[in-house]
Structures are given as structure tokens and as C-alpha cells.
Amino acid sequence: MLDYNKELETAVRHFWRTRGSQKKRQGGNSGRKDSGNRGAVTGGKHADGFVNLIAKIVKDAALPLIEIHVTEKRPRTLPGFYRPCKEWDLVVLSDASLVAVVEVKSQVGSFGNNFNNRVEEALGNATDFWAAYREGAFKPSQRPWLGYLFMLEETPTSVRPTKRISLKPYNIDEEFQERSYARRYELVCERLVRDRLYDAACFFTSNAKTGKHGQYEEPNAELSIRNFAISLHARAAAFAEAGKELKVLEGNDEEQ
């Protein structure tokens, strides 16, 4: 059995160290660097540790004829309903059946500017995915498992309470009032799961200084890497068991 917390420590360490080195290297040939955090963002690959961790969870379930796509773009691209297709971060297939799909996101800085964008992405992706499934885009697959993993940079700005919002003639949901961005993201992830838009979500925070040593915080046990992993592992294991039973039935039919 994988030590999920240790694996996440390794992924967090990879994120911050890779991100830092990319920011230093970016623009090396031209002598120019992107402003702010863009140098780290344009480099990519810093989230590979999270994707690889999810792949390990699936492999641990011993799925037969497994295909875990984490690198090449085309195998990670699935049809949509409100748009032609969508590229996901991880797609798991077993004998051409869609088993699991995961979106991995992170946010470093620009909390106020990007909060609504991240929420709209998460909602839109899930809505489009389940509409495509409803219309048979993934048939003859069973109902696939959809997951969302999100890491937020922990800074004074992201953890301090936000200003109260006043609107007329309507009122803002009190659950969002004066919450920090970290607590807002926590609430969003919780609601995404409870409304069954995602089968599981993992939300955690980390800062650049201690994150380089693998440190992170999980503010909500419901959104922990352990719960996320157990849910995904259980789905993959159940799929594997169903496949075994089907082979037994097919074998019995042939004997008759």
C-alpha cells in the first residue's frame, strides 16, 4: 500500500523546486525573462509530481490491460458535449474502457484575479464531461471516475480574510463572506464533491519556502490526499474485479 502523504510530500517538493529552477532558466537564451510568476508558468512540468502520484494510485489497484496517459496530448484528449474536446491531465483506460479522468490545478499568486476563473474552469469541465458521458461519448464504458486535485500557494494574502462584499438587490452567500481565498477554495472543492460534479477532490496549501522540503497543509480531512486516493483506488479495484468476473462468465459460456 502506498504511503499517500509521503508521496504527496515528494510531489510538493518537486513542484516548488522545478518551478523555481524554471523561473531562473526561462529566458536564458534571449536574455529576457517573463515578468512576475509567468516564467515559472510557461515552463510547465512543475505539476508532473502530482500527476505521477495519481498514476501510482491507479497502478496499485492492479487493473488489467491498463493504459495510464499522462504525457502525450492526444490520448489525454476526450470528446465533450458543449465543445468538441478537452485535454485532461490524466486519463486511465482498461481494455479501451474509460476508468478514470483527473484534472490537476495549482495557483501561485494573483488570487483575486484568478479565483473566479479557476471555479468556472472546474464547474465547466465537470459539466461538459458528465454531459458527454450522458450522451454516450464514452460508450461502452461504465460510469468513469472524475477527480480534481488543487494546490494553492500559502501566503499572507491567500490566508487572510477578504473584505465583505455588498451587493444590491441580492445578497452574497454568507459562506463566502470574509473568507480567505484558501477557505473559499476549500469550500468550492467541498461543494463540487457533495454536488457529485467530481467523485473526489484533493485540496491542500503549501508555500514556496517550506514546500521545497515537501511541507503542505490539508485544511479539510474530507479533501485530503488519503480520501482522494481511497476513492480512486476503490474505483479502479472494483473495475478490475468486474473484469475478472466477466472473464469467468465468458469462460463458462464457452464451456457450455
Protein backbone atom coordinates (compact mmCIF):
# COMPACT_ATOMS: atom_id res chain seq x y z
CA MET A 1 0.00 0.00 0.00
CA LEU A 2 1.32 3.42 -0.94
CA ASP A 3 2.07 5.99 1.75
CA TYR A 4 -0.09 8.70 0.22
CA ASN A 5 1.16 11.50 2.44
CA LYS A 6 4.80 10.69 1.74
CA GLU A 7 4.07 10.55 -1.97
CA LEU A 8 2.37 13.94 -1.80
CA GLU A 9 5.37 15.37 0.07
CA THR A 10 7.58 14.23 -2.81
CA ALA A 11 5.20 15.79 -5.37
CA VAL A 12 5.06 19.10 -3.48
CA ARG A 13 8.85 19.20 -3.25
CA HIS A 14 9.08 18.52 -7.00
CA PHE A 15 6.56 21.30 -7.71
CA TRP A 16 8.43 24.05 -5.88
CA ARG A 17 11.94 23.01 -6.87
CA THR A 18 11.01 22.56 -10.53
CA ARG A 19 9.08 25.80 -10.55
CA GLY A 20 11.99 27.69 -9.03
CA SER A 21 14.55 26.32 -11.47
CA GLN A 22 12.27 27.05 -14.43
CA LYS A 23 11.86 30.63 -13.35
CA LYS A 24 15.64 31.04 -13.27
CA ARG A 25 16.18 29.34 -16.63
CA GLN A 26 13.30 30.93 -18.51
CA GLY A 27 14.54 33.49 -21.00
CA GLY A 28 18.12 32.25 -20.72
CA ASN A 29 18.73 32.22 -24.48
CA SER A 30 17.18 35.60 -25.15
CA GLY A 31 18.44 37.28 -22.00
CA ARG A 32 14.85 38.29 -21.21
CA LYS A 33 12.62 36.84 -18.53
CA ASP A 34 8.85 36.84 -18.29
CA SER A 35 7.57 39.24 -15.67
CA GLY A 36 6.33 38.10 -12.27
CA ASN A 37 5.50 34.40 -12.00
CA ARG A 38 4.99 33.88 -15.73
CA GLY A 39 8.49 32.43 -16.16
CA ALA A 40 7.59 29.51 -13.92
CA VAL A 41 4.19 29.03 -15.50
CA THR A 42 5.39 28.94 -19.11
CA GLY A 43 8.00 26.28 -18.24
CA GLY A 44 5.42 23.61 -17.43
CA LYS A 45 6.27 20.24 -15.85
CA HIS A 46 6.10 21.52 -12.26
CA ALA A 47 2.82 19.62 -11.70
CA ASP A 48 4.24 16.32 -13.01
CA GLY A 49 4.74 15.06 -9.47
CA PHE A 50 1.02 15.32 -8.73
CA VAL A 51 0.09 13.56 -11.97
CA ASN A 52 2.61 10.78 -11.32
CA LEU A 53 1.28 10.32 -7.79
CA ILE A 54 -2.23 9.78 -9.17
CA ALA A 55 -0.84 7.29 -11.70
CA LYS A 56 0.78 5.33 -8.85
CA ILE A 57 -2.55 5.10 -7.04
CA VAL A 58 -4.15 3.59 -10.14
CA LYS A 59 -1.29 1.14 -10.73
CA ASP A 60 -1.60 -0.05 -7.13
CA ALA A 61 -5.12 -1.27 -7.91
CA ALA A 62 -3.75 -3.88 -10.38
CA LEU A 63 -6.03 -3.04 -13.29
CA PRO A 64 -5.66 -5.44 -16.24
CA LEU A 65 -4.72 -4.12 -19.69
CA ILE A 66 -4.14 -0.72 -18.14
CA GLU A 67 -3.24 2.42 -20.05
CA ILE A 68 -2.38 5.48 -17.97
CA HIS A 69 -1.90 8.54 -20.15
CA VAL A 70 -0.04 11.43 -18.52
CA THR A 71 2.27 12.86 -21.21
CA GLU A 72 1.09 12.67 -24.83
CA LYS A 73 -1.64 15.14 -25.63
CA ARG A 74 -3.86 13.09 -27.95
CA PRO A 75 -4.53 10.13 -25.59
CA ARG A 76 -5.41 12.64 -22.84
CA THR A 77 -7.95 14.40 -25.03
CA LEU A 78 -11.57 13.28 -24.67
CA PRO A 79 -14.74 14.32 -26.50
CA GLY A 80 -17.01 16.88 -24.88
CA PHE A 81 -20.64 17.89 -25.26
CA TYR A 82 -20.57 21.71 -25.17
CA ARG A 83 -17.24 21.75 -27.01
CA PRO A 84 -15.52 19.32 -29.40
CA CYS A 85 -12.94 18.01 -26.92
CA LYS A 86 -10.95 18.69 -23.76
CA GLU A 87 -7.36 17.82 -22.82
CA TRP A 88 -7.17 16.33 -19.30
CA ASP A 89 -4.11 15.85 -17.11
CA LEU A 90 -4.56 12.10 -16.61
CA VAL A 91 -6.72 9.58 -18.43
CA VAL A 92 -6.93 5.91 -17.43
CA LEU A 93 -8.15 3.21 -19.80
CA SER A 94 -8.54 -0.54 -19.32
CA ASP A 95 -9.14 -2.56 -22.46
CA ALA A 96 -10.49 0.59 -24.18
CA SER A 97 -12.90 1.34 -21.31
CA LEU A 98 -12.60 4.76 -19.69
CA VAL A 99 -11.87 4.16 -15.99
CA ALA A 100 -10.75 7.49 -14.53
CA VAL A 101 -10.04 11.09 -15.50
CA VAL A 102 -8.29 13.70 -13.35
CA GLU A 103 -7.74 17.44 -13.59
CA VAL A 104 -4.73 18.89 -11.73
CA LYS A 105 -4.54 22.60 -10.95
CA SER A 106 -2.41 24.93 -8.87
CA GLN A 107 -2.37 28.64 -8.17
CA VAL A 108 0.59 30.76 -7.15
CA GLY A 109 -0.18 34.45 -6.63
CA SER A 110 -2.87 36.55 -8.35
CA PHE A 111 -5.51 35.13 -6.02
CA GLY A 112 -8.14 37.78 -6.57
CA ASN A 113 -7.76 37.79 -10.34
CA ASN A 114 -7.82 34.03 -10.79
CA PHE A 115 -10.27 32.72 -8.20
CA ASN A 116 -13.39 33.07 -10.37
CA ASN A 117 -11.53 31.70 -13.40
CA ARG A 118 -10.48 28.55 -11.52
CA VAL A 119 -14.00 27.98 -10.23
CA GLU A 120 -15.51 28.46 -13.69
CA GLU A 121 -12.99 26.01 -15.16
CA ALA A 122 -13.76 23.35 -12.56
CA LEU A 123 -17.52 23.73 -12.99
CA GLY A 124 -17.39 23.89 -16.77
CA ASN A 125 -15.09 20.91 -17.17
CA ALA A 126 -17.21 18.68 -14.95
CA THR A 127 -20.49 19.78 -16.52
CA ASP A 128 -19.17 19.15 -20.02
CA PHE A 129 -17.66 15.78 -19.04
CA TRP A 130 -20.85 14.39 -17.50
CA ALA A 131 -22.97 15.69 -20.36
CA ALA A 132 -20.68 13.88 -22.80
CA TYR A 133 -20.98 10.71 -20.72
CA ARG A 134 -24.78 11.06 -20.58
CA GLU A 135 -24.91 11.27 -24.37
CA GLY A 136 -22.79 8.13 -24.79
CA ALA A 137 -19.48 9.71 -25.82
CA PHE A 138 -17.51 7.09 -23.85
CA LYS A 139 -19.64 4.02 -24.52
CA PRO A 140 -19.47 1.13 -23.87
CA SER A 141 -17.54 2.24 -20.77
CA GLN A 142 -19.08 2.04 -17.32
CA ARG A 143 -19.50 5.31 -15.46
CA PRO A 144 -15.94 6.72 -15.20
CA TRP A 145 -14.39 8.28 -12.09
CA LEU A 146 -13.69 12.03 -12.20
CA GLY A 147 -11.22 13.67 -9.83
CA TYR A 148 -9.89 17.17 -9.11
CA LEU A 149 -6.60 17.96 -7.36
CA PHE A 150 -5.76 21.55 -6.45
CA MET A 151 -2.78 23.12 -4.68
CA LEU A 152 -2.89 26.74 -3.52
CA GLU A 153 0.13 28.80 -2.56
CA GLU A 154 0.03 29.65 1.13
CA THR A 155 0.91 33.31 1.66
CA PRO A 156 -0.37 36.07 3.96
CA THR A 157 -2.57 37.23 1.08
CA SER A 158 -4.17 33.83 0.45
CA VAL A 159 -4.92 33.02 4.12
CA ARG A 160 -6.12 36.37 5.48
CA PRO A 161 -9.87 37.19 5.47
CA THR A 162 -11.19 39.03 2.43
CA LYS A 163 -13.26 42.20 2.57
CA ARG A 164 -17.00 41.86 2.96
CA ILE A 165 -18.90 42.12 -0.33
CA SER A 166 -22.05 44.21 -0.54
CA LEU A 167 -24.47 43.84 -3.46
CA LYS A 168 -27.96 45.13 -4.19
CA PRO A 169 -30.67 43.93 -4.59
CA TYR A 170 -29.23 40.44 -3.95
CA ASN A 171 -27.12 39.03 -1.16
CA ILE A 172 -23.83 37.13 -1.33
CA ASP A 173 -23.80 33.62 0.13
CA GLU A 174 -22.64 34.17 3.74
CA GLU A 175 -20.37 31.15 3.47
CA PHE A 176 -18.12 33.19 1.17
CA GLN A 177 -18.20 36.44 3.14
CA GLU A 178 -14.87 37.44 4.68
CA ARG A 179 -13.36 34.05 3.95
CA SER A 180 -9.73 33.94 2.86
CA TYR A 181 -9.03 32.71 -0.66
CA ALA A 182 -7.75 29.49 0.86
CA ARG A 183 -11.02 28.92 2.71
CA ARG A 184 -13.02 29.87 -0.40
CA TYR A 185 -11.21 27.25 -2.46
CA GLU A 186 -11.77 24.72 0.31
CA LEU A 187 -15.49 25.47 0.26
CA VAL A 188 -15.65 25.23 -3.53
CA CYS A 189 -13.90 21.84 -3.60
CA GLU A 190 -16.19 20.55 -0.86
CA ARG A 191 -19.28 21.63 -2.79
CA LEU A 192 -18.00 20.19 -6.06
CA VAL A 193 -17.79 16.77 -4.42
CA ARG A 194 -21.01 16.99 -2.42
CA ASP A 195 -22.90 18.03 -5.55
CA ARG A 196 -21.31 15.00 -7.29
CA LEU A 197 -19.66 17.02 -10.00
CA TYR A 198 -16.44 15.22 -9.03
CA ASP A 199 -16.14 11.83 -7.37
CA ALA A 200 -13.34 13.18 -5.16
CA ALA A 201 -11.30 16.34 -4.75
CA CYS A 202 -7.97 16.91 -3.05
CA PHE A 203 -7.19 20.42 -1.77
CA PHE A 204 -4.04 21.48 0.05
CA THR A 205 -1.84 24.54 0.55
CA SER A 206 1.92 24.99 0.51
CA ASN A 207 4.37 27.88 0.47
CA ALA A 208 7.50 28.25 -1.61
CA LYS A 209 9.94 28.22 1.31
CA THR A 210 8.87 25.10 3.21
CA GLY A 211 7.30 23.49 0.15
CA LYS A 212 10.78 22.88 -1.24
CA HIS A 213 11.14 20.41 1.62
CA GLY A 214 7.79 18.78 0.88
CA GLN A 215 5.70 20.55 3.50
CA TYR A 216 1.99 21.12 2.87
CA GLU A 217 -1.23 21.64 4.83
CA GLU A 218 -4.57 19.88 4.44
CA PRO A 219 -7.23 22.15 5.98
CA ASN A 220 -10.11 19.74 5.39
CA ALA A 221 -9.93 15.98 6.04
CA GLU A 222 -12.77 15.43 3.57
CA LEU A 223 -10.47 16.81 0.86
CA SER A 224 -7.30 15.00 1.95
CA ILE A 225 -4.98 13.07 -0.36
CA ARG A 226 -5.91 9.95 1.65
CA ASN A 227 -9.63 10.27 0.92
CA PHE A 228 -8.90 11.12 -2.72
CA ALA A 229 -6.62 8.09 -3.10
CA ILE A 230 -9.01 5.70 -1.36
CA SER A 231 -11.85 6.74 -3.64
CA LEU A 232 -9.77 6.39 -6.82
CA HIS A 233 -8.16 3.12 -5.72
CA ALA A 234 -11.56 1.66 -4.83
CA ARG A 235 -12.98 2.58 -8.24
CA ALA A 236 -10.01 1.09 -10.10
CA ALA A 237 -10.04 -2.06 -7.94
CA ALA A 238 -13.79 -2.50 -8.46
CA PHE A 239 -13.31 -2.14 -12.20
CA ALA A 240 -10.54 -4.76 -12.11
CA GLU A 241 -12.73 -7.17 -10.11
CA ALA A 242 -15.65 -6.69 -12.50
CA GLY A 243 -13.33 -7.55 -15.38
CA LYS A 244 -12.28 -10.79 -13.68
CA GLU A 245 -15.88 -11.81 -13.09
CA LEU A 246 -16.74 -11.08 -16.72
CA LYS A 247 -13.91 -13.34 -17.92
CA VAL A 248 -15.14 -16.14 -15.68
CA LEU A 249 -18.66 -15.83 -17.09
CA GLU A 250 -17.33 -15.76 -20.65
CA GLY A 251 -15.28 -18.86 -19.90
CA ASN A 252 -18.30 -20.71 -18.55
CA ASP A 253 -20.30 -19.79 -21.66
CA GLU A 254 -17.57 -21.22 -23.91
CA GLU A 255 -17.51 -24.50 -21.96
CA GLN A 256 -21.25 -24.87 -22.37
